[in-house]
């Protein structure tokens, strides 16, 4: 009597594995693109929060003493080697006139924002290990912070915090 064996042959299993591998190869770039886009959107949202907090803190600080202010946090958990922060200090303890201070905001992003005595935001730079956004001439409203202005740190040679300038590489663009 002939036995009826049920199951898949090795060729059938290899064909299924090959088809699945091809599908993964096709889908992976799209998934990674969506992931990176979401990270960039999150960064922009946090930069917008920082801007909003600057305007709020400036009004509050200006009620106590009017004048220019610099809001900065360079010692966040973001440790970016490409940032030039020479001469930039954000130490509130050594700043007796309180023109430099951190925002009342819990963030791991590094930022350097100068606000004129009339409340206009001058230099504006926010960065972390993945992205940097810089406006050397300032931001007038929160909607000015655009995703198109956000640069990928891996494609940036360096940037200077005090000048809010970003130098991009000519290689590794894409």
N, C-alpha and C. Protein backbone atom coordinates (compact mmCIF):
# COMPACT_ATOMS: atom_id res chain seq x y z
N UNK A 1 0.84 -1.16 0.00
CA UNK A 1 0.00 0.00 0.00
C UNK A 1 0.89 1.23 0.00
N UNK A 2 0.54 2.22 -0.81
CA UNK A 2 1.31 3.45 -0.94
C UNK A 2 0.81 4.46 0.09
N UNK A 3 1.79 5.02 0.85
CA UNK A 3 1.42 6.02 1.85
C UNK A 3 1.29 7.39 1.19
N UNK A 4 0.31 8.18 1.65
CA UNK A 4 0.10 9.52 1.15
C UNK A 4 0.77 10.51 2.11
N UNK A 5 1.92 11.03 1.71
CA UNK A 5 2.65 11.97 2.56
C UNK A 5 2.17 13.38 2.26
N UNK A 6 1.87 14.09 3.35
CA UNK A 6 1.44 15.48 3.20
C UNK A 6 2.58 16.38 3.63
N UNK A 7 2.70 17.56 2.97
CA UNK A 7 3.75 18.52 3.32
C UNK A 7 4.26 19.22 2.08
N UNK A 8 5.25 20.06 2.29
CA UNK A 8 5.83 20.83 1.20
C UNK A 8 7.20 20.27 0.84
N UNK A 9 7.51 20.38 -0.41
CA UNK A 9 8.83 19.94 -0.84
C UNK A 9 9.83 21.06 -0.57
N UNK A 10 11.08 20.71 -0.60
CA UNK A 10 12.14 21.69 -0.37
C UNK A 10 12.11 22.79 -1.44
N UNK A 11 11.83 22.45 -2.65
CA UNK A 11 11.76 23.43 -3.73
C UNK A 11 10.64 24.43 -3.48
N UNK A 12 9.49 23.95 -3.03
CA UNK A 12 8.37 24.85 -2.73
C UNK A 12 8.72 25.80 -1.60
N UNK A 13 9.36 25.31 -0.55
CA UNK A 13 9.76 26.16 0.57
C UNK A 13 10.78 27.21 0.14
N UNK A 14 11.76 26.82 -0.68
CA UNK A 14 12.75 27.77 -1.15
C UNK A 14 12.12 28.84 -2.05
N UNK A 15 11.13 28.46 -2.84
CA UNK A 15 10.44 29.43 -3.70
C UNK A 15 9.71 30.46 -2.85
N UNK A 16 9.04 30.02 -1.80
CA UNK A 16 8.33 30.95 -0.91
C UNK A 16 9.31 31.88 -0.21
N UNK A 17 10.42 31.34 0.27
CA UNK A 17 11.43 32.16 0.95
C UNK A 17 12.02 33.19 -0.02
N UNK A 18 12.26 32.79 -1.26
CA UNK A 18 12.80 33.72 -2.26
C UNK A 18 11.81 34.84 -2.55
N UNK A 19 10.54 34.52 -2.67
CA UNK A 19 9.52 35.54 -2.92
C UNK A 19 9.43 36.50 -1.74
N UNK A 20 9.45 35.99 -0.52
CA UNK A 20 9.40 36.85 0.66
C UNK A 20 10.64 37.75 0.74
N UNK A 21 11.80 37.23 0.40
CA UNK A 21 13.02 38.03 0.42
C UNK A 21 12.94 39.18 -0.58
N UNK A 22 12.39 38.90 -1.75
CA UNK A 22 12.23 39.94 -2.77
C UNK A 22 11.27 41.01 -2.28
N UNK A 23 10.17 40.62 -1.64
CA UNK A 23 9.22 41.59 -1.10
C UNK A 23 9.85 42.46 -0.02
N UNK A 24 10.67 41.88 0.83
CA UNK A 24 11.36 42.64 1.88
C UNK A 24 12.32 43.64 1.25
N UNK A 25 13.06 43.22 0.25
CA UNK A 25 14.02 44.10 -0.42
C UNK A 25 13.29 45.28 -1.07
N UNK A 26 12.13 45.04 -1.61
CA UNK A 26 11.35 46.11 -2.26
C UNK A 26 10.75 47.04 -1.21
N UNK A 27 10.25 46.51 -0.12
CA UNK A 27 9.52 47.31 0.88
C UNK A 27 10.43 48.04 1.85
N UNK A 28 11.62 47.54 2.13
CA UNK A 28 12.49 48.11 3.16
C UNK A 28 12.83 49.59 2.93
N UNK A 29 13.22 50.01 1.73
CA UNK A 29 13.51 51.44 1.55
C UNK A 29 12.31 52.34 1.83
N UNK A 30 11.12 51.89 1.46
CA UNK A 30 9.92 52.69 1.73
C UNK A 30 9.66 52.80 3.23
N UNK A 31 9.82 51.73 3.95
CA UNK A 31 9.60 51.73 5.40
C UNK A 31 10.63 52.62 6.08
N UNK A 32 11.89 52.50 5.67
CA UNK A 32 12.94 53.34 6.25
C UNK A 32 12.71 54.82 5.92
N UNK A 33 12.23 55.11 4.73
CA UNK A 33 11.92 56.48 4.36
C UNK A 33 10.82 57.06 5.22
N UNK A 34 9.78 56.27 5.49
CA UNK A 34 8.70 56.73 6.37
C UNK A 34 9.20 56.94 7.79
N UNK A 35 10.08 56.06 8.25
CA UNK A 35 10.64 56.18 9.59
C UNK A 35 11.46 57.47 9.72
N UNK A 36 12.32 57.74 8.74
CA UNK A 36 13.14 58.95 8.77
C UNK A 36 12.29 60.21 8.64
N UNK A 37 11.25 60.15 7.84
CA UNK A 37 10.34 61.28 7.71
C UNK A 37 9.63 61.58 9.03
N UNK A 38 9.24 60.53 9.73
CA UNK A 38 8.58 60.71 11.03
C UNK A 38 9.55 61.32 12.05
N UNK A 39 10.82 60.88 12.03
CA UNK A 39 11.82 61.46 12.93
C UNK A 39 12.02 62.95 12.63
N UNK A 40 12.05 63.28 11.36
CA UNK A 40 12.24 64.68 10.97
C UNK A 40 11.05 65.53 11.40
N UNK A 41 9.85 65.01 11.23
CA UNK A 41 8.64 65.73 11.65
C UNK A 41 8.63 65.95 13.16
N UNK A 42 9.07 64.95 13.91
CA UNK A 42 9.15 65.07 15.36
C UNK A 42 10.16 66.15 15.74
N UNK A 43 11.29 66.19 15.04
CA UNK A 43 12.30 67.22 15.31
C UNK A 43 11.73 68.61 15.05
N UNK A 44 11.01 68.79 13.94
CA UNK A 44 10.41 70.09 13.62
C UNK A 44 9.41 70.48 14.70
N UNK A 45 8.62 69.54 15.16
CA UNK A 45 7.65 69.82 16.21
C UNK A 45 8.35 70.29 17.49
N UNK A 46 9.46 69.64 17.84
CA UNK A 46 10.20 70.06 19.04
C UNK A 46 10.84 71.42 18.84
N UNK A 47 11.34 71.72 17.63
CA UNK A 47 11.90 73.04 17.36
C UNK A 47 10.80 74.11 17.47
N UNK A 48 9.60 73.79 17.02
CA UNK A 48 8.48 74.71 17.15
C UNK A 48 8.12 74.95 18.62
N UNK A 49 8.16 73.88 19.42
CA UNK A 49 7.91 74.03 20.86
C UNK A 49 8.94 74.93 21.50
N UNK A 50 10.19 74.76 21.11
CA UNK A 50 11.28 75.60 21.65
C UNK A 50 11.02 77.06 21.27
N UNK A 51 10.64 77.31 20.02
CA UNK A 51 10.34 78.68 19.60
C UNK A 51 9.19 79.28 20.42
N UNK A 52 8.13 78.50 20.59
CA UNK A 52 6.99 79.00 21.36
C UNK A 52 7.39 79.29 22.80
N UNK A 53 8.24 78.43 23.37
CA UNK A 53 8.67 78.65 24.75
C UNK A 53 9.57 79.88 24.85
N UNK A 54 10.37 80.14 23.81
CA UNK A 54 11.21 81.35 23.79
C UNK A 54 10.33 82.59 23.88
N UNK A 55 9.29 82.62 23.06
CA UNK A 55 8.43 83.81 23.07
C UNK A 55 7.72 83.97 24.41
N UNK A 56 7.30 82.86 25.01
CA UNK A 56 6.64 82.92 26.31
C UNK A 56 7.61 83.36 27.40
N UNK A 57 8.79 82.75 27.44
CA UNK A 57 9.78 83.11 28.45
C UNK A 57 10.26 84.54 28.29
N UNK A 58 10.39 85.01 27.04
CA UNK A 58 10.85 86.38 26.83
C UNK A 58 9.87 87.38 27.42
N UNK A 59 8.58 87.17 27.20
CA UNK A 59 7.57 88.08 27.76
C UNK A 59 7.68 88.07 29.29
N UNK A 60 7.78 86.89 29.87
CA UNK A 60 7.88 86.78 31.33
C UNK A 60 9.16 87.45 31.84
N UNK A 61 10.28 87.18 31.18
CA UNK A 61 11.56 87.76 31.62
C UNK A 61 11.60 89.26 31.42
N UNK A 62 10.96 89.73 30.36
CA UNK A 62 10.97 91.16 30.07
C UNK A 62 10.13 91.95 31.07
N UNK A 63 9.18 91.31 31.71
CA UNK A 63 8.41 91.99 32.76
C UNK A 63 9.31 92.29 33.96
N UNK A 64 10.27 91.43 34.21
CA UNK A 64 11.21 91.63 35.33
C UNK A 64 12.26 92.67 34.99
N UNK A 65 12.87 92.51 33.80
CA UNK A 65 13.92 93.43 33.35
C UNK A 65 13.95 93.38 31.83
N UNK A 66 13.76 94.52 31.19
CA UNK A 66 13.72 94.53 29.73
C UNK A 66 15.13 94.46 29.16
N UNK A 67 15.21 94.03 27.93
CA UNK A 67 16.49 93.95 27.24
C UNK A 67 16.60 92.71 26.39
N UNK A 68 17.76 92.56 25.76
CA UNK A 68 18.01 91.40 24.92
C UNK A 68 18.18 90.16 25.77
N UNK A 69 17.88 89.02 25.18
CA UNK A 69 18.03 87.75 25.89
C UNK A 69 18.64 86.72 24.94
N UNK A 70 19.38 85.79 25.51
CA UNK A 70 19.87 84.64 24.78
C UNK A 70 19.42 83.40 25.55
N UNK A 71 18.70 82.54 24.87
CA UNK A 71 18.25 81.29 25.47
C UNK A 71 19.08 80.18 24.85
N UNK A 72 19.75 79.40 25.70
CA UNK A 72 20.60 78.37 25.13
C UNK A 72 20.72 77.17 26.05
N UNK A 73 20.87 76.05 25.42
CA UNK A 73 21.18 74.79 26.09
C UNK A 73 22.12 74.04 25.17
N UNK A 74 23.37 74.00 25.55
CA UNK A 74 24.37 73.33 24.73
C UNK A 74 24.78 72.01 25.38
N UNK A 75 24.34 71.80 26.60
CA UNK A 75 24.76 70.62 27.33
C UNK A 75 23.67 69.55 27.39
N UNK A 76 22.77 69.52 26.41
CA UNK A 76 21.74 68.49 26.40
C UNK A 76 22.36 67.13 26.17
N UNK A 77 21.56 66.12 26.07
CA UNK A 77 22.09 64.77 25.86
C UNK A 77 22.60 64.58 24.44
N UNK A 78 22.27 65.51 23.54
CA UNK A 78 22.80 65.43 22.18
C UNK A 78 24.27 65.84 22.20
N UNK A 79 25.13 64.94 21.81
CA UNK A 79 26.57 65.22 21.79
C UNK A 79 27.01 65.19 20.33
N UNK A 80 27.01 66.36 19.71
CA UNK A 80 27.29 66.43 18.29
C UNK A 80 28.69 66.99 18.08
N UNK A 81 29.54 66.19 17.44
CA UNK A 81 30.93 66.59 17.22
C UNK A 81 31.05 67.69 16.17
N UNK A 82 30.06 67.83 15.30
CA UNK A 82 30.16 68.78 14.20
C UNK A 82 29.79 70.20 14.62
N UNK A 83 29.33 70.38 15.85
CA UNK A 83 28.92 71.70 16.33
C UNK A 83 30.12 72.45 16.89
N UNK A 84 30.35 73.65 16.39
CA UNK A 84 31.38 74.52 16.93
C UNK A 84 30.72 75.45 17.94
N UNK A 85 31.07 75.27 19.22
CA UNK A 85 30.44 76.07 20.27
C UNK A 85 31.48 76.89 21.02
N UNK A 86 32.60 77.18 20.39
CA UNK A 86 33.67 77.94 21.03
C UNK A 86 33.14 79.31 21.46
N UNK A 87 33.36 79.64 22.71
CA UNK A 87 32.93 80.94 23.23
C UNK A 87 31.47 80.99 23.64
N UNK A 88 30.75 79.91 23.46
CA UNK A 88 29.33 79.90 23.84
C UNK A 88 29.21 79.29 25.23
N UNK A 89 28.72 80.07 26.16
CA UNK A 89 28.47 79.54 27.50
C UNK A 89 27.01 79.76 27.84
N UNK A 90 26.43 78.78 28.43
CA UNK A 90 25.03 78.86 28.82
C UNK A 90 24.89 78.69 30.33
N UNK A 91 25.94 78.99 31.04
CA UNK A 91 25.96 78.80 32.48
C UNK A 91 25.22 79.95 33.16
N UNK A 92 24.03 79.67 33.68
CA UNK A 92 23.23 80.71 34.33
C UNK A 92 23.87 81.18 35.63
N UNK A 93 24.60 80.31 36.31
CA UNK A 93 25.20 80.68 37.59
C UNK A 93 26.23 81.79 37.43
N UNK A 94 26.99 81.76 36.34
CA UNK A 94 28.01 82.79 36.12
C UNK A 94 27.44 84.01 35.41
N UNK A 95 26.17 83.98 35.11
CA UNK A 95 25.53 85.06 34.37
C UNK A 95 24.66 85.87 35.32
N UNK A 96 25.24 86.87 35.94
CA UNK A 96 24.53 87.61 36.99
C UNK A 96 23.44 88.52 36.45
N UNK A 97 23.55 88.97 35.21
CA UNK A 97 22.51 89.87 34.68
C UNK A 97 21.35 89.11 34.06
N UNK A 98 21.40 87.81 34.08
CA UNK A 98 20.34 86.90 33.60
C UNK A 98 19.89 87.18 32.17
N UNK A 99 20.82 87.55 31.31
CA UNK A 99 20.47 87.72 29.90
C UNK A 99 20.60 86.41 29.14
N UNK A 100 21.28 85.43 29.73
CA UNK A 100 21.38 84.11 29.13
C UNK A 100 20.73 83.11 30.07
N UNK A 101 19.88 82.29 29.53
CA UNK A 101 19.24 81.30 30.40
C UNK A 101 18.67 80.16 29.59
N UNK A 102 18.37 79.09 30.29
CA UNK A 102 17.68 77.96 29.67
C UNK A 102 16.19 78.23 29.69
N UNK A 103 15.50 77.57 28.79
CA UNK A 103 14.05 77.70 28.74
C UNK A 103 13.40 76.85 29.83
N UNK A 104 12.19 77.20 30.17
CA UNK A 104 11.41 76.38 31.09
C UNK A 104 10.78 75.25 30.30
N UNK A 105 11.62 74.38 29.78
CA UNK A 105 11.17 73.33 28.88
C UNK A 105 12.08 72.13 29.06
N UNK A 106 11.49 70.96 29.16
CA UNK A 106 12.26 69.74 29.31
C UNK A 106 12.53 69.17 27.92
N UNK A 107 13.75 69.37 27.44
CA UNK A 107 14.11 68.88 26.11
C UNK A 107 15.56 68.40 26.11
N UNK A 108 15.84 67.44 25.26
CA UNK A 108 17.21 66.96 25.10
C UNK A 108 17.87 67.64 23.90
N UNK A 109 17.13 68.49 23.21
CA UNK A 109 17.69 69.20 22.06
C UNK A 109 18.60 70.32 22.54
N UNK A 110 19.65 70.57 21.77
CA UNK A 110 20.50 71.72 22.03
C UNK A 110 19.95 72.89 21.23
N UNK A 111 20.02 74.08 21.81
CA UNK A 111 19.50 75.24 21.10
C UNK A 111 20.27 76.49 21.50
N UNK A 112 20.27 77.46 20.60
CA UNK A 112 20.86 78.77 20.84
C UNK A 112 19.98 79.77 20.12
N UNK A 113 19.32 80.65 20.89
CA UNK A 113 18.37 81.59 20.31
C UNK A 113 18.63 82.97 20.91
N UNK A 114 18.80 83.95 20.05
CA UNK A 114 18.97 85.33 20.49
C UNK A 114 17.67 86.08 20.23
N UNK A 115 17.23 86.83 21.24
CA UNK A 115 16.00 87.61 21.13
C UNK A 115 16.35 89.07 21.39
N UNK A 116 15.95 89.95 20.47
CA UNK A 116 16.21 91.38 20.61
C UNK A 116 15.29 91.97 21.67
N UNK A 117 15.59 93.17 22.10
CA UNK A 117 14.80 93.79 23.16
C UNK A 117 13.35 94.04 22.75
N UNK A 118 13.08 94.11 21.43
CA UNK A 118 11.70 94.30 20.98
C UNK A 118 10.96 92.97 20.82
N UNK A 119 11.63 91.85 21.12
CA UNK A 119 10.98 90.55 21.09
C UNK A 119 11.17 89.77 19.80
N UNK A 120 11.86 90.35 18.83
CA UNK A 120 12.08 89.61 17.59
C UNK A 120 13.18 88.58 17.79
N UNK A 121 12.94 87.39 17.28
CA UNK A 121 13.91 86.31 17.42
C UNK A 121 14.96 86.48 16.35
N UNK A 122 16.21 86.62 16.80
CA UNK A 122 17.33 86.78 15.88
C UNK A 122 17.85 85.43 15.46
N UNK A 123 19.04 85.11 15.87
CA UNK A 123 19.63 83.82 15.51
C UNK A 123 18.85 82.71 16.19
N UNK A 124 18.61 81.64 15.42
CA UNK A 124 17.82 80.51 15.91
C UNK A 124 18.46 79.24 15.40
N UNK A 125 18.95 78.40 16.32
CA UNK A 125 19.53 77.12 15.91
C UNK A 125 19.11 76.06 16.93
N UNK A 126 18.66 74.93 16.42
CA UNK A 126 18.28 73.78 17.24
C UNK A 126 18.92 72.56 16.61
N UNK A 127 19.52 71.70 17.43
CA UNK A 127 20.16 70.51 16.87
C UNK A 127 20.18 69.38 17.88
N UNK A 128 20.33 68.18 17.34
CA UNK A 128 20.53 66.97 18.14
C UNK A 128 21.47 66.06 17.35
N UNK A 129 21.50 64.78 17.68
CA UNK A 129 22.41 63.86 17.00
C UNK A 129 21.99 63.54 15.56
N UNK A 130 20.76 63.84 15.20
CA UNK A 130 20.26 63.48 13.87
C UNK A 130 20.06 64.67 12.94
N UNK A 131 19.58 65.79 13.47
CA UNK A 131 19.18 66.90 12.62
C UNK A 131 19.66 68.24 13.19
N UNK A 132 19.71 69.24 12.31
CA UNK A 132 20.00 70.62 12.69
C UNK A 132 19.11 71.53 11.86
N UNK A 133 18.57 72.57 12.50
CA UNK A 133 17.84 73.61 11.79
C UNK A 133 18.41 74.94 12.27
N UNK A 134 18.74 75.81 11.31
CA UNK A 134 19.36 77.08 11.66
C UNK A 134 18.77 78.20 10.81
N UNK A 135 18.46 79.29 11.48
CA UNK A 135 18.00 80.51 10.82
C UNK A 135 18.89 81.65 11.31
N UNK A 136 19.96 81.99 10.56
CA UNK A 136 20.88 83.02 11.03
C UNK A 136 20.25 84.41 11.14
N UNK A 137 19.21 84.67 10.36
CA UNK A 137 18.58 85.99 10.42
C UNK A 137 17.31 85.99 11.24
N UNK A 138 16.97 84.86 11.83
CA UNK A 138 15.84 84.83 12.75
C UNK A 138 14.59 84.17 12.20
N UNK A 139 13.64 84.06 13.10
CA UNK A 139 12.35 83.46 12.81
C UNK A 139 11.30 84.45 13.30
N UNK A 140 10.31 84.75 12.47
CA UNK A 140 9.31 85.71 12.90
C UNK A 140 8.05 85.06 13.47
N UNK A 141 7.78 83.83 13.05
CA UNK A 141 6.63 83.11 13.61
C UNK A 141 6.91 81.62 13.55
N UNK A 142 6.19 80.87 14.34
CA UNK A 142 6.46 79.44 14.48
C UNK A 142 6.31 78.69 13.16
N UNK A 143 5.45 79.17 12.28
CA UNK A 143 5.26 78.48 11.00
C UNK A 143 6.43 78.70 10.05
N UNK A 144 7.37 79.57 10.41
CA UNK A 144 8.58 79.75 9.59
C UNK A 144 9.50 78.55 9.67
N UNK A 145 9.37 77.75 10.71
CA UNK A 145 10.23 76.58 10.88
C UNK A 145 9.70 75.48 9.97
N UNK A 146 10.40 75.22 8.89
CA UNK A 146 9.94 74.28 7.86
C UNK A 146 10.80 73.03 7.85
N UNK A 147 10.18 71.92 7.46
CA UNK A 147 10.92 70.66 7.34
C UNK A 147 12.01 70.77 6.28
N UNK A 148 11.79 71.60 5.28
CA UNK A 148 12.78 71.73 4.21
C UNK A 148 14.07 72.39 4.70
N UNK A 149 14.00 73.13 5.81
CA UNK A 149 15.19 73.79 6.36
C UNK A 149 15.98 72.87 7.28
N UNK A 150 15.41 71.75 7.65
CA UNK A 150 16.07 70.81 8.55
C UNK A 150 17.10 70.02 7.76
N UNK A 151 18.33 70.00 8.28
CA UNK A 151 19.43 69.29 7.62
C UNK A 151 19.75 68.01 8.39
N UNK A 152 20.07 66.97 7.65
CA UNK A 152 20.50 65.72 8.24
C UNK A 152 21.95 65.88 8.69
N UNK A 153 22.23 65.61 9.95
CA UNK A 153 23.58 65.79 10.51
C UNK A 153 24.61 64.98 9.72
N UNK A 154 24.25 63.82 9.23
CA UNK A 154 25.22 62.99 8.50
C UNK A 154 25.65 63.63 7.18
N UNK A 155 24.89 64.61 6.69
CA UNK A 155 25.22 65.28 5.43
C UNK A 155 25.76 66.69 5.64
N UNK A 156 26.13 67.00 6.87
CA UNK A 156 26.61 68.33 7.22
C UNK A 156 28.07 68.24 7.64
N UNK A 157 28.91 69.10 7.07
CA UNK A 157 30.32 69.14 7.49
C UNK A 157 30.42 69.61 8.93
N UNK A 158 29.89 70.80 9.19
CA UNK A 158 29.94 71.39 10.52
C UNK A 158 28.97 72.55 10.58
N UNK A 159 28.76 73.06 11.77
CA UNK A 159 27.96 74.27 11.92
C UNK A 159 28.44 75.01 13.15
N UNK A 160 28.26 76.32 13.12
CA UNK A 160 28.70 77.18 14.21
C UNK A 160 27.47 77.69 14.93
N UNK A 161 27.43 77.49 16.23
CA UNK A 161 26.26 77.85 17.00
C UNK A 161 26.08 79.36 17.07
N UNK A 162 27.13 80.11 17.33
CA UNK A 162 26.96 81.55 17.50
C UNK A 162 26.56 82.26 16.21
N UNK A 163 26.99 81.74 15.07
CA UNK A 163 26.62 82.35 13.79
C UNK A 163 25.35 81.73 13.21
N UNK A 164 24.92 80.63 13.77
CA UNK A 164 23.76 79.89 13.25
C UNK A 164 23.94 79.56 11.79
N UNK A 165 25.17 79.18 11.42
CA UNK A 165 25.43 78.80 10.04
C UNK A 165 25.65 77.30 9.94
N UNK A 166 25.28 76.74 8.83
CA UNK A 166 25.43 75.31 8.59
C UNK A 166 26.17 75.12 7.28
N UNK A 167 27.29 74.40 7.32
CA UNK A 167 28.06 74.11 6.11
C UNK A 167 27.78 72.67 5.71
N UNK A 168 27.23 72.49 4.51
CA UNK A 168 26.90 71.15 4.05
C UNK A 168 28.05 70.57 3.24
N UNK A 169 28.12 69.25 3.22
CA UNK A 169 29.15 68.59 2.43
C UNK A 169 28.69 68.52 0.97
N UNK A 170 29.67 68.46 0.08
CA UNK A 170 29.32 68.31 -1.33
C UNK A 170 29.22 66.83 -1.69
N UNK A 171 29.79 65.97 -0.84
CA UNK A 171 29.67 64.53 -1.03
C UNK A 171 28.57 64.02 -0.12
N UNK A 172 28.16 62.82 -0.34
CA UNK A 172 27.16 62.16 0.53
C UNK A 172 25.80 62.85 0.45
N UNK A 173 25.53 63.58 -0.64
CA UNK A 173 24.23 64.21 -0.80
C UNK A 173 23.26 63.18 -1.36
N UNK A 174 22.02 63.28 -0.96
CA UNK A 174 21.07 62.32 -1.53
C UNK A 174 19.84 62.23 -0.80
